[in-house]
C-alpha atoms as a PDB file:
ATOM      1  CA  MET A   1       5.153  14.898   4.705  1.00  0.00           C
ATOM      2  CA  SER A   2       7.732  11.986   4.545  1.00  0.00           C
ATOM      3  CA  LEU A   3       7.095   8.420   5.491  1.00  0.00           C
ATOM      4  CA  ALA A   4       8.868   8.680   8.804  1.00  0.00           C
ATOM      5  CA  ASP A   5       6.490  11.495   9.787  1.00  0.00           C
ATOM      6  CA  ILE A   6       3.491   9.041   9.139  1.00  0.00           C
ATOM      7  CA  LEU A   7       5.159   6.043  10.854  1.00  0.00           C
ATOM      8  CA  ASP A   8       6.511   7.887  13.910  1.00  0.00           C
ATOM      9  CA  PRO A   9       3.099   8.198  15.578  1.00  0.00           C
ATOM     10  CA  LEU A  10       2.438   4.559  15.274  1.00  0.00           C
ATOM     11  CA  GLN A  11       5.686   3.732  17.285  1.00  0.00           C
ATOM     12  CA  GLN A  12       5.079   6.351  20.039  1.00  0.00           C
ATOM     13  CA  PRO A  13       4.047   4.761  23.538  1.00  0.00           C
ATOM     14  CA  LEU A  14       0.323   4.193  24.013  1.00  0.00           C
ATOM     15  CA  VAL A  15       0.395   2.533  27.493  1.00  0.00           C
ATOM     16  CA  THR A  16       2.878   1.194  30.004  1.00  0.00           C
ATOM     17  CA  VAL A  17       2.867  -2.524  30.814  1.00  0.00           C
ATOM     18  CA  LEU A  18       5.159  -3.724  33.718  1.00  0.00           C
ATOM     19  CA  ASP A  19       7.227  -0.657  33.274  1.00  0.00           C
ATOM     20  CA  THR A  20       7.508  -1.060  29.530  1.00  0.00           C
ATOM     21  CA  PRO A  21       6.170   1.282  27.040  1.00  0.00           C
ATOM     22  CA  VAL A  22       3.632  -0.255  24.510  1.00  0.00           C
ATOM     23  CA  SER A  23       3.531   1.398  21.197  1.00  0.00           C
ATOM     24  CA  TRP A  24       0.432   1.826  18.788  1.00  0.00           C
ATOM     25  CA  THR A  25       2.305  -0.552  16.541  1.00  0.00           C
ATOM     26  CA  GLU A  26       2.163  -3.301  19.159  1.00  0.00           C
ATOM     27  CA  VAL A  27      -1.466  -2.661  20.164  1.00  0.00           C
ATOM     28  CA  LEU A  28      -2.537  -2.765  16.486  1.00  0.00           C
ATOM     29  CA  GLY A  29      -0.333  -6.038  15.814  1.00  0.00           C
ATOM     30  CA  PHE A  30      -1.915  -7.628  18.663  1.00  0.00           C
ATOM     31  CA  GLY A  31      -5.499  -6.885  17.494  1.00  0.00           C
ATOM     32  CA  SER A  32      -5.047  -7.593  13.942  1.00  0.00           C
ATOM     33  CA  GLY A  33      -2.985 -10.822  14.798  1.00  0.00           C
ATOM     34  CA  ALA A  34      -5.677 -12.222  16.990  1.00  0.00           C
ATOM     35  CA  LEU A  35      -8.336 -11.538  14.536  1.00  0.00           C
ATOM     36  CA  CYS A  36      -6.421 -13.138  11.752  1.00  0.00           C
ATOM     37  CA  VAL A  37      -5.777 -16.528  13.620  1.00  0.00           C
ATOM     38  CA  TRP A  38      -9.443 -16.633  14.701  1.00  0.00           C
ATOM     39  CA  LEU A  39     -10.424 -16.281  11.052  1.00  0.00           C
ATOM     40  CA  VAL A  40      -7.944 -18.937   9.935  1.00  0.00           C
ATOM     41  CA  ALA A  41      -9.481 -21.272  12.422  1.00  0.00           C
ATOM     42  CA  ARG A  42     -12.815 -20.685  10.967  1.00  0.00           C
ATOM     43  CA  GLN A  43     -11.433 -21.244   7.448  1.00  0.00           C
ATOM     44  CA  HIS A  44     -12.657 -17.612   6.547  1.00  0.00           C
ATOM     45  CA  LEU A  45     -11.108 -15.827   3.475  1.00  0.00           C
ATOM     46  CA  ALA A  46     -10.960 -12.628   5.166  1.00  0.00           C
ATOM     47  CA  ASN A  47      -8.051 -13.972   7.277  1.00  0.00           C
ATOM     48  CA  TRP A  48      -5.591 -13.114   4.243  1.00  0.00           C
ATOM     49  CA  PRO A  49      -6.133  -9.413   4.017  1.00  0.00           C
ATOM     50  CA  ILE A  50      -6.146  -8.935   7.884  1.00  0.00           C
ATOM     51  CA  GLY A  51      -3.049 -11.048   8.002  1.00  0.00           C
ATOM     52  CA  ILE A  52      -1.413  -8.956   5.463  1.00  0.00           C
ATOM     53  CA  ALA A  53      -2.322  -5.881   7.739  1.00  0.00           C
ATOM     54  CA  ASN A  54      -0.748  -7.438  10.716  1.00  0.00           C
ATOM     55  CA  ASN A  55       2.487  -8.152   8.789  1.00  0.00           C
ATOM     56  CA  VAL A  56       2.888  -4.640   8.160  1.00  0.00           C
ATOM     57  CA  PHE A  57       2.520  -3.606  11.787  1.00  0.00           C
ATOM     58  CA  PHE A  58       4.969  -6.426  12.865  1.00  0.00           C
ATOM     59  CA  ILE A  59       7.559  -5.238  10.324  1.00  0.00           C
ATOM     60  CA  LEU A  60       7.737  -1.934  12.184  1.00  0.00           C
ATOM     61  CA  LEU A  61       7.771  -3.447  15.466  1.00  0.00           C
ATOM     62  CA  PHE A  62      10.332  -6.153  15.115  1.00  0.00           C
ATOM     63  CA  ALA A  63      12.741  -3.988  13.224  1.00  0.00           C
ATOM     64  CA  GLN A  64      12.586  -1.531  16.128  1.00  0.00           C
ATOM     65  CA  SER A  65      13.169  -4.406  18.715  1.00  0.00           C
ATOM     66  CA  GLY A  66      16.182  -5.910  16.885  1.00  0.00           C
ATOM     67  CA  LEU A  67      14.344  -9.233  15.717  1.00  0.00           C
ATOM     68  CA  TYR A  68      15.679  -8.587  12.111  1.00  0.00           C
ATOM     69  CA  ALA A  69      14.624 -12.240  11.003  1.00  0.00           C
ATOM     70  CA  ASP A  70      11.194 -11.892  12.264  1.00  0.00           C
ATOM     71  CA  ALA A  71      10.981  -8.446  10.565  1.00  0.00           C
ATOM     72  CA  GLY A  72      12.202  -9.779   7.109  1.00  0.00           C
ATOM     73  CA  LEU A  73       9.917 -12.777   7.751  1.00  0.00           C
ATOM     74  CA  GLN A  74       6.949 -10.450   7.543  1.00  0.00           C
ATOM     75  CA  ILE A  75       7.694  -9.550   4.062  1.00  0.00           C
ATOM     76  CA  VAL A  76       7.776 -13.209   3.190  1.00  0.00           C
ATOM     77  CA  PHE A  77       4.522 -13.668   4.992  1.00  0.00           C
ATOM     78  CA  ILE A  78       2.841 -10.954   2.716  1.00  0.00           C
ATOM     79  CA  THR A  79       3.962 -12.910  -0.347  1.00  0.00           C
ATOM     80  CA  LEU A  80       2.714 -16.183   1.079  1.00  0.00           C
ATOM     81  CA  ALA A  81      -0.553 -14.558   2.102  1.00  0.00           C
ATOM     82  CA  ALA A  82      -1.287 -13.487  -1.658  1.00  0.00           C
ATOM     83  CA  TYR A  83      -0.480 -17.181  -2.526  1.00  0.00           C
ATOM     84  CA  GLY A  84      -2.699 -18.521   0.194  1.00  0.00           C
ATOM     85  CA  TRP A  85      -5.575 -16.124  -0.675  1.00  0.00           C
ATOM     86  CA  TRP A  86      -5.514 -17.260  -4.386  1.00  0.00           C
ATOM     87  CA  THR A  87      -5.230 -21.010  -3.410  1.00  0.00           C
ATOM     88  CA  TRP A  88      -8.063 -20.812  -0.997  1.00  0.00           C
ATOM     89  CA  THR A  89     -10.126 -19.529  -3.791  1.00  0.00           C
ATOM     90  CA  HIS A  90      -8.859 -21.323  -6.769  1.00  0.00           C
ATOM     91  CA  GLY A  91      -7.158 -24.716  -5.319  1.00  0.00           C
ATOM     92  CA  GLY A  92     -10.176 -26.797  -4.924  1.00  0.00           C
ATOM     93  CA  GLY A  93      -9.909 -28.434  -8.309  1.00  0.00           C
ATOM     94  CA  PRO A  94     -12.665 -29.144 -10.879  1.00  0.00           C
ATOM     95  CA  GLY A  95     -16.126 -28.782  -9.775  1.00  0.00           C
ATOM     96  CA  THR A  96     -15.261 -26.782  -6.606  1.00  0.00           C
ATOM     97  CA  SER A  97     -13.790 -23.419  -5.746  1.00  0.00           C
ATOM     98  CA  VAL A  98     -13.180 -24.302  -2.039  1.00  0.00           C
ATOM     99  CA  LEU A  99      -9.726 -25.895  -1.110  1.00  0.00           C
ATOM    100  CA  PRO A 100     -10.344 -28.825   1.295  1.00  0.00           C
ATOM    101  CA  VAL A 101      -8.402 -29.521   4.454  1.00  0.00           C
ATOM    102  CA  ARG A 102      -5.912 -32.388   3.849  1.00  0.00           C
ATOM    103  CA  ARG A 103      -3.098 -34.138   5.840  1.00  0.00           C
ATOM    104  CA  THR A 104       0.538 -33.405   4.826  1.00  0.00           C
ATOM    105  CA  THR A 105       1.958 -35.977   2.667  1.00  0.00           C
ATOM    106  CA  ARG A 106       5.220 -37.857   3.493  1.00  0.00           C
ATOM    107  CA  THR A 107       7.048 -36.066   0.550  1.00  0.00           C
ATOM    108  CA  GLU A 108       5.759 -32.772   1.909  1.00  0.00           C
ATOM    109  CA  TRP A 109       7.248 -33.362   5.217  1.00  0.00           C
ATOM    110  CA  THR A 110      10.504 -34.566   3.977  1.00  0.00           C
ATOM    111  CA  TRP A 111      10.980 -31.189   1.973  1.00  0.00           C
ATOM    112  CA  LEU A 112       9.501 -29.211   4.985  1.00  0.00           C
ATOM    113  CA  LEU A 113      11.968 -30.721   7.500  1.00  0.00           C
ATOM    114  CA  ALA A 114      14.909 -30.372   5.264  1.00  0.00           C
ATOM    115  CA  ALA A 115      14.063 -26.894   4.423  1.00  0.00           C
ATOM    116  CA  GLY A 116      13.385 -25.990   8.115  1.00  0.00           C
ATOM    117  CA  VAL A 117      16.896 -27.372   9.214  1.00  0.00           C
ATOM    118  CA  VAL A 118      18.749 -25.713   6.349  1.00  0.00           C
ATOM    119  CA  GLY A 119      16.918 -22.557   6.979  1.00  0.00           C
ATOM    120  CA  THR A 120      17.418 -22.502  10.678  1.00  0.00           C
ATOM    121  CA  LEU A 121      21.098 -23.041  10.189  1.00  0.00           C
ATOM    122  CA  GLY A 122      21.509 -20.625   7.647  1.00  0.00           C
ATOM    123  CA  ILE A 123      19.630 -17.669   9.263  1.00  0.00           C
ATOM    124  CA  THR A 124      21.340 -18.408  12.534  1.00  0.00           C
ATOM    125  CA  LEU A 125      24.820 -17.847  10.780  1.00  0.00           C
ATOM    126  CA  LEU A 126      23.466 -14.684   9.019  1.00  0.00           C
ATOM    127  CA  LEU A 127      22.206 -13.056  12.061  1.00  0.00           C
ATOM    128  CA  SER A 128      25.267 -13.992  14.179  1.00  0.00           C
ATOM    129  CA  ARG A 129      27.542 -12.494  11.513  1.00  0.00           C
ATOM    130  CA  ALA A 130      25.750  -9.568  10.022  1.00  0.00           C
ATOM    131  CA  THR A 131      23.604  -8.123  12.896  1.00  0.00           C
ATOM    132  CA  ASP A 132      23.773  -7.395  16.447  1.00  0.00           C
ATOM    133  CA  SER A 133      21.053  -9.850  17.358  1.00  0.00           C
ATOM    134  CA  THR A 134      21.260 -11.180  20.812  1.00  0.00           C
ATOM    135  CA  VAL A 135      19.190 -14.194  20.011  1.00  0.00           C
ATOM    136  CA  PRO A 136      20.317 -15.439  16.548  1.00  0.00           C
ATOM    137  CA  PHE A 137      19.234 -19.102  17.081  1.00  0.00           C
ATOM    138  CA  TRP A 138      15.767 -18.658  18.488  1.00  0.00           C
ATOM    139  CA  ASP A 139      14.944 -15.892  15.985  1.00  0.00           C
ATOM    140  CA  ALA A 140      16.100 -18.248  13.119  1.00  0.00           C
ATOM    141  CA  LEU A 141      14.293 -21.168  14.589  1.00  0.00           C
ATOM    142  CA  THR A 142      10.930 -19.416  14.929  1.00  0.00           C
ATOM    143  CA  THR A 143      11.356 -17.922  11.462  1.00  0.00           C
ATOM    144  CA  SER A 144      11.836 -21.346   9.952  1.00  0.00           C
ATOM    145  CA  LEU A 145       8.826 -22.878  11.874  1.00  0.00           C
ATOM    146  CA  SER A 146       6.602 -20.092  10.794  1.00  0.00           C
ATOM    147  CA  LEU A 147       7.483 -20.457   7.207  1.00  0.00           C
ATOM    148  CA  MET A 148       6.734 -24.142   7.293  1.00  0.00           C
ATOM    149  CA  ALA A 149       3.568 -23.450   9.075  1.00  0.00           C
ATOM    150  CA  THR A 150       2.513 -20.841   6.613  1.00  0.00           C
ATOM    151  CA  TYR A 151       3.065 -23.083   3.768  1.00  0.00           C
ATOM    152  CA  GLY A 152       0.906 -25.775   5.356  1.00  0.00           C
ATOM    153  CA  GLN A 153      -1.650 -22.993   6.064  1.00  0.00           C
ATOM    154  CA  CYS A 154      -1.929 -21.944   2.349  1.00  0.00           C
ATOM    155  CA  ARG A 155      -2.362 -25.630   1.390  1.00  0.00           C
ATOM    156  CA  LYS A 156      -4.815 -26.183   4.069  1.00  0.00           C
ATOM    157  CA  ARG A 157      -2.717 -29.153   5.543  1.00  0.00           C
ATOM    158  CA  LEU A 158      -3.982 -30.030   8.942  1.00  0.00           C
ATOM    159  CA  GLU A 159      -0.431 -30.447  10.577  1.00  0.00           C
ATOM    160  CA  SER A 160       0.315 -26.886   9.852  1.00  0.00           C
ATOM    161  CA  TRP A 161      -1.365 -26.167  13.208  1.00  0.00           C
ATOM    162  CA  TRP A 162       1.224 -28.370  15.092  1.00  0.00           C
ATOM    163  CA  LEU A 163       3.905 -26.231  13.424  1.00  0.00           C
ATOM    164  CA  TRP A 164       2.381 -23.037  14.687  1.00  0.00           C
ATOM    165  CA  ILE A 165       2.033 -24.509  18.109  1.00  0.00           C
ATOM    166  CA  ALA A 166       5.802 -25.431  18.172  1.00  0.00           C
ATOM    167  CA  ALA A 167       6.514 -21.816  16.980  1.00  0.00           C
ATOM    168  CA  ASP A 168       4.405 -20.123  19.631  1.00  0.00           C
ATOM    169  CA  VAL A 169       5.992 -22.190  22.418  1.00  0.00           C
ATOM    170  CA  VAL A 170       9.230 -20.493  21.530  1.00  0.00           C
ATOM    171  CA  TYR A 171       7.729 -17.003  20.656  1.00  0.00           C
ATOM    172  CA  ILE A 172       5.951 -16.507  23.928  1.00  0.00           C
ATOM    173  CA  PRO A 173       9.319 -16.368  26.086  1.00  0.00           C
ATOM    174  CA  LEU A 174      11.398 -14.856  23.254  1.00  0.00           C
ATOM    175  CA  TYR A 175       9.129 -11.715  23.015  1.00  0.00           C
ATOM    176  CA  ALA A 176       8.949 -11.488  26.735  1.00  0.00           C
ATOM    177  CA  HIS A 177      12.693 -11.720  26.972  1.00  0.00           C
ATOM    178  CA  LYS A 178      12.755  -8.724  24.414  1.00  0.00           C
ATOM    179  CA  GLY A 179      10.377  -6.806  26.654  1.00  0.00           C
ATOM    180  CA  LEU A 180       7.445  -7.161  24.158  1.00  0.00           C
ATOM    181  CA  TYR A 181       5.015  -8.228  26.775  1.00  0.00           C
ATOM    182  CA  LEU A 182       1.802  -7.463  24.837  1.00  0.00           C
ATOM    183  CA  THR A 183       3.063  -9.355  21.828  1.00  0.00           C
ATOM    184  CA  SER A 184       4.138 -12.165  24.131  1.00  0.00           C
ATOM    185  CA  LEU A 185       0.666 -12.167  25.682  1.00  0.00           C
ATOM    186  CA  LEU A 186      -0.869 -12.120  22.005  1.00  0.00           C
ATOM    187  CA  TYR A 187       1.203 -15.210  21.073  1.00  0.00           C
ATOM    188  CA  ALA A 188      -0.182 -17.061  24.327  1.00  0.00           C
ATOM    189  CA  GLY A 189      -3.572 -16.245  22.641  1.00  0.00           C
ATOM    190  CA  PHE A 190      -2.333 -17.476  19.420  1.00  0.00           C
ATOM    191  CA  LEU A 191      -1.437 -20.726  21.059  1.00  0.00           C
ATOM    192  CA  ALA A 192      -5.039 -21.147  22.370  1.00  0.00           C
ATOM    193  CA  LEU A 193      -6.452 -20.147  18.980  1.00  0.00           C
ATOM    194  CA  CYS A 194      -4.078 -22.691  17.338  1.00  0.00           C
ATOM    195  CA  LEU A 195      -5.609 -25.332  19.593  1.00  0.00           C
ATOM    196  CA  VAL A 196      -9.190 -24.424  18.447  1.00  0.00           C
ATOM    197  CA  GLY A 197      -8.050 -24.292  14.687  1.00  0.00           C
ATOM    198  CA  LEU A 198      -6.505 -27.723  14.987  1.00  0.00           C
ATOM    199  CA  ARG A 199      -9.765 -28.937  16.388  1.00  0.00           C
ATOM    200  CA  ASN A 200     -12.031 -27.202  13.893  1.00  0.00           C
ATOM    201  CA  TRP A 201      -9.858 -28.409  10.851  1.00  0.00           C
ATOM    202  CA  HIS A 202      -9.589 -31.990  12.285  1.00  0.00           C
ATOM    203  CA  ARG A 203     -13.352 -32.043  12.702  1.00  0.00           C
ATOM    204  CA  ASP A 204     -13.950 -30.848   9.047  1.00  0.00           C
ATOM    205  CA  LEU A 205     -11.500 -33.409   7.617  1.00  0.00           C
ATOM    206  CA  THR A 206     -13.111 -36.125   9.526  1.00  0.00           C
ATOM    207  CA  ALA A 207     -16.535 -35.191   8.431  1.00  0.00           C
ATOM    208  CA  ARG A 208     -15.405 -35.055   4.833  1.00  0.00           C
ATOM    209  CA  ASP A 209     -13.765 -38.387   4.937  1.00  0.00           C
ATOM    210  CA  ALA A 210     -16.730 -40.056   6.404  1.00  0.00           C
ATOM    211  CA  ARG A 211     -19.177 -38.769   3.584  1.00  0.00           C
ATOM    212  CA  PRO A 212     -17.881 -41.371   0.852  1.00  0.00           C
ATOM    213  CA  LEU A 213     -18.638 -44.165   3.456  1.00  0.00           C
ATOM    214  CA  GLU A 214     -22.075 -42.646   4.107  1.00  0.00           C
ATOM    215  CA  VAL A 215     -22.788 -42.474   0.343  1.00  0.00           C
ATOM    216  CA  ALA A 216     -21.730 -46.147  -0.171  1.00  0.00           C
ATOM    217  CA  ALA A 217     -23.873 -47.386   2.796  1.00  0.00           C
ATOM    218  CA  ALA A 218     -26.899 -45.635   1.206  1.00  0.00           C
END
């Protein structure tokens, strides 16, 4: 049995939404993606293996839909997930195994924004010249925003949620334009979960910052 024989059933239509067939791959991507973001919002370590499974489903889905940058992005996400998994368990520093939520530093913002601009321009040119992508700029922009957000998520930077929110605002109409209505709906759910995650991480950061003041007052 070849790999194609194994993957083919996942790409077969399961249901039809708005006269568009929805495959097993998209349904499984929907479920694993929603669970992953919910776990991130709760700072649960299990988000990383669930996220890797989600990346595998989306590699198949996006490659089939001609979203080549997004398909390639999933491979990078898998690598970053391994890094984030390790960081969340070993990056807390001496005396703690838990990585705390922090704000993005000015230096980090400088590097992130520079990498985002260069990445968006470079990927746009690559997709325009080397593929048949019909949305090279938007595919490149969401790729760069997602990578920036994932780096922040790996380091538990609060502002990573704002980057995810910006990416989702573009992803929702982009996937609908490509006929991936269930995935577009998923990213609308992601947007709501990002707002919850932003609130939860901000609450955690505020509570941690207040503890030294409480100790000093005591």
